[in-house]
Amino acid sequence: MTRRFRRLAALSVAATVVLGLLLALRPLSASRAFAIWILLLAAIALAELVRAARDVDAANVRAARRFEEALRPRRSEPRRPAELDQAERELVLGAASAAYAHRRLLPHLRAVAAARLAVRHGVDLERRPETAAALLGDEAWELLRPDRPEPEDPNAPGVPLPRIEAFLARVESL
């Protein structure tokens, strides 16, 4: 049995005991005793209905709160752009493998330098390589020159990260 049902049964039994006492002792007429008993049962039922309505209302409030919380946008950790992750992989792989550096990393670095030279100095890397070489410097030009030969050992280490950093600093200073 549920707790609510046991409480209701106990109160009903108590009201019936009161009826029995009123009928046995006869302080009141039988009709008044039954009226008091009916009134007690009605009060018990009304109190139980109010309690049940309050419980349902509380459950509805909890459900509404959970529903509103589910609708609230979640704060997620800011994610790094996929392009940044890709650029980091290119740098690490370009530093690890000469073949990867020659085929993948250096063309990206060449595109970066070409864009910077075109915007800042109006120099096309392909059409005016002498001017581009003079602006970039010998070390940076060695990485970018279009006639750069394939590496002899493709499994050799690629371009060291400090050299790439120096290159990028040079390009940014243009």
Protein backbone atom coordinates (compact mmCIF):
# COMPACT_ATOMS: atom_id res chain seq x y z
CA MET A 1 0.00 0.00 0.00
CA THR A 2 1.13 3.50 -0.64
CA ARG A 3 1.71 5.92 2.17
CA ARG A 4 -1.08 8.17 0.95
CA PHE A 5 -3.59 5.32 0.95
CA ARG A 6 -2.56 4.20 4.46
CA ARG A 7 -2.97 7.76 5.78
CA LEU A 8 -6.42 8.05 4.15
CA ALA A 9 -7.48 4.68 5.59
CA ALA A 10 -6.25 5.60 9.08
CA LEU A 11 -8.15 8.92 9.03
CA SER A 12 -11.31 7.20 7.79
CA VAL A 13 -11.04 4.60 10.55
CA ALA A 14 -10.55 7.40 13.10
CA ALA A 15 -13.66 9.18 11.80
CA THR A 16 -15.60 5.92 12.03
CA VAL A 17 -14.38 5.40 15.62
CA VAL A 18 -15.62 8.90 16.45
CA LEU A 19 -19.00 7.96 14.92
CA GLY A 20 -19.09 4.78 17.01
CA LEU A 21 -18.33 6.73 20.18
CA LEU A 22 -21.00 9.31 19.41
CA LEU A 23 -23.58 6.58 18.77
CA ALA A 24 -22.57 4.60 21.87
CA LEU A 25 -22.43 7.51 24.32
CA ARG A 26 -25.40 9.30 22.80
CA PRO A 27 -24.41 12.87 23.60
CA LEU A 28 -26.05 13.77 20.28
CA SER A 29 -28.84 12.37 18.22
CA ALA A 30 -27.99 9.66 15.68
CA SER A 31 -28.70 11.97 12.75
CA ARG A 32 -26.26 14.57 14.12
CA ALA A 33 -23.64 11.91 14.76
CA PHE A 34 -23.94 10.70 11.14
CA ALA A 35 -23.76 14.32 9.92
CA ILE A 36 -20.54 14.86 11.88
CA TRP A 37 -19.16 11.59 10.48
CA ILE A 38 -20.02 12.62 6.90
CA LEU A 39 -18.47 16.04 7.54
CA LEU A 40 -15.27 14.41 8.85
CA LEU A 41 -15.05 12.09 5.82
CA ALA A 42 -15.63 15.03 3.46
CA ALA A 43 -12.91 17.06 5.23
CA ILE A 44 -10.50 14.12 4.99
CA ALA A 45 -11.27 13.66 1.27
CA LEU A 46 -10.94 17.39 0.61
CA ALA A 47 -7.62 17.58 2.44
CA GLU A 48 -6.36 14.60 0.45
CA LEU A 49 -7.48 16.17 -2.84
CA VAL A 50 -5.69 19.42 -1.97
CA ARG A 51 -2.54 17.48 -1.06
CA ALA A 52 -2.71 15.49 -4.33
CA ALA A 53 -3.23 18.66 -6.38
CA ARG A 54 -0.25 20.28 -4.66
CA ASP A 55 1.89 17.22 -5.42
CA VAL A 56 0.80 17.23 -9.07
CA ASP A 57 1.51 20.96 -9.28
CA ALA A 58 4.97 20.45 -7.78
CA ALA A 59 5.63 17.62 -10.24
CA ASN A 60 4.51 19.86 -13.12
CA VAL A 61 6.82 22.63 -11.91
CA ARG A 62 9.74 20.18 -11.76
CA ALA A 63 8.90 18.87 -15.23
CA ALA A 64 8.62 22.41 -16.61
CA ARG A 65 11.96 23.28 -15.03
CA ARG A 66 13.60 20.23 -16.59
CA PHE A 67 11.98 21.08 -19.94
CA GLU A 68 13.21 24.68 -19.79
CA GLU A 69 16.67 23.49 -18.81
CA ALA A 70 16.69 21.11 -21.76
CA LEU A 71 15.80 24.00 -24.07
CA ARG A 72 18.53 26.24 -22.67
CA PRO A 73 21.52 26.33 -25.02
CA ARG A 74 24.54 24.49 -23.73
CA ARG A 75 27.81 26.26 -23.40
CA SER A 76 30.39 24.30 -25.24
CA GLU A 77 34.08 24.71 -25.15
CA PRO A 78 35.25 26.88 -28.01
CA ARG A 79 36.70 24.64 -30.66
CA ARG A 80 39.78 25.41 -32.60
CA PRO A 81 39.20 26.03 -36.28
CA ALA A 82 39.83 22.99 -38.44
CA GLU A 83 42.12 25.09 -40.63
CA LEU A 84 44.39 25.76 -37.66
CA ASP A 85 44.61 22.04 -36.88
CA GLN A 86 45.36 21.36 -40.56
CA ALA A 87 48.10 24.02 -40.61
CA GLU A 88 49.69 22.54 -37.49
CA ARG A 89 49.70 19.07 -39.07
CA GLU A 90 51.27 20.49 -42.22
CA LEU A 91 54.04 22.12 -40.17
CA VAL A 92 54.76 19.03 -38.10
CA LEU A 93 54.74 16.69 -41.09
CA GLY A 94 56.81 19.16 -43.14
CA ALA A 95 59.40 19.23 -40.38
CA ALA A 96 59.45 15.44 -40.16
CA SER A 97 59.70 14.51 -43.84
CA ALA A 98 61.67 16.13 -46.65
CA ALA A 99 59.30 14.73 -49.28
CA TYR A 100 56.25 16.06 -47.44
CA ALA A 101 57.91 19.43 -46.99
CA HIS A 102 58.73 19.66 -50.68
CA ARG A 103 55.32 18.55 -51.96
CA ARG A 104 52.91 19.96 -49.36
CA LEU A 105 54.44 22.45 -46.92
CA LEU A 106 56.58 24.59 -49.20
CA PRO A 107 53.77 25.24 -51.72
CA HIS A 108 51.67 26.58 -48.81
CA LEU A 109 54.53 28.77 -47.61
CA ARG A 110 55.10 29.93 -51.18
CA ALA A 111 51.43 30.94 -51.44
CA VAL A 112 51.66 32.87 -48.16
CA ALA A 113 54.76 34.73 -49.31
CA ALA A 114 53.28 35.40 -52.77
CA ALA A 115 50.16 36.92 -51.24
CA ARG A 116 52.18 39.12 -48.88
CA LEU A 117 54.50 40.30 -51.66
CA ALA A 118 51.58 41.07 -53.96
CA VAL A 119 49.61 43.01 -51.34
CA ARG A 120 52.46 44.94 -49.73
CA HIS A 121 54.86 45.45 -52.65
CA GLY A 122 52.92 44.65 -55.81
CA VAL A 123 55.46 41.95 -56.68
CA ASP A 124 54.41 38.75 -58.41
CA LEU A 125 56.56 35.90 -57.14
CA GLU A 126 56.39 34.02 -60.45
CA ARG A 127 56.93 36.97 -62.83
CA ARG A 128 59.54 38.91 -60.86
CA PRO A 129 61.52 36.29 -58.94
CA GLU A 130 64.62 38.52 -58.64
CA THR A 131 62.66 41.28 -56.90
CA ALA A 132 60.90 38.72 -54.69
CA ALA A 133 64.26 37.14 -53.79
CA ALA A 134 65.69 40.55 -52.89
CA LEU A 135 62.70 41.37 -50.65
CA LEU A 136 62.59 37.96 -48.95
CA GLY A 137 66.29 37.42 -48.39
CA ASP A 138 68.49 34.48 -49.33
CA GLU A 139 67.36 32.04 -46.64
CA ALA A 140 63.64 32.54 -47.28
CA TRP A 141 64.15 32.51 -51.04
CA GLU A 142 65.99 29.19 -50.75
CA LEU A 143 62.79 27.68 -49.34
CA LEU A 144 60.49 29.31 -51.91
CA ARG A 145 62.32 29.30 -55.19
CA PRO A 146 60.25 27.59 -57.88
CA ASP A 147 63.21 25.59 -59.23
CA ARG A 148 63.95 24.01 -55.84
CA PRO A 149 65.03 20.39 -56.53
CA GLU A 150 63.33 17.33 -55.06
CA PRO A 151 65.06 16.09 -51.91
CA GLU A 152 67.64 13.38 -52.50
CA ASP A 153 66.37 11.35 -49.54
CA PRO A 154 62.59 11.67 -49.24
CA ASN A 155 62.72 10.12 -45.76
CA ALA A 156 65.20 12.69 -44.45
CA PRO A 157 63.99 15.29 -41.98
CA GLY A 158 62.13 18.17 -43.58
CA VAL A 159 62.40 21.87 -42.84
CA PRO A 160 63.16 22.44 -39.14
CA LEU A 161 60.45 24.32 -37.22
CA PRO A 162 62.84 27.14 -36.17
CA ARG A 163 63.63 27.74 -39.83
CA ILE A 164 59.90 27.86 -40.65
CA GLU A 165 59.36 30.29 -37.78
CA ALA A 166 62.17 32.51 -39.08
CA PHE A 167 60.67 32.36 -42.56
CA LEU A 168 57.22 33.36 -41.29
CA ALA A 169 58.69 36.19 -39.23
CA ARG A 170 60.49 37.44 -42.35
CA VAL A 171 57.31 37.28 -44.44
CA GLU A 172 55.32 39.08 -41.74
CA SER A 173 57.92 41.85 -41.60
CA LEU A 174 57.52 42.61 -45.32
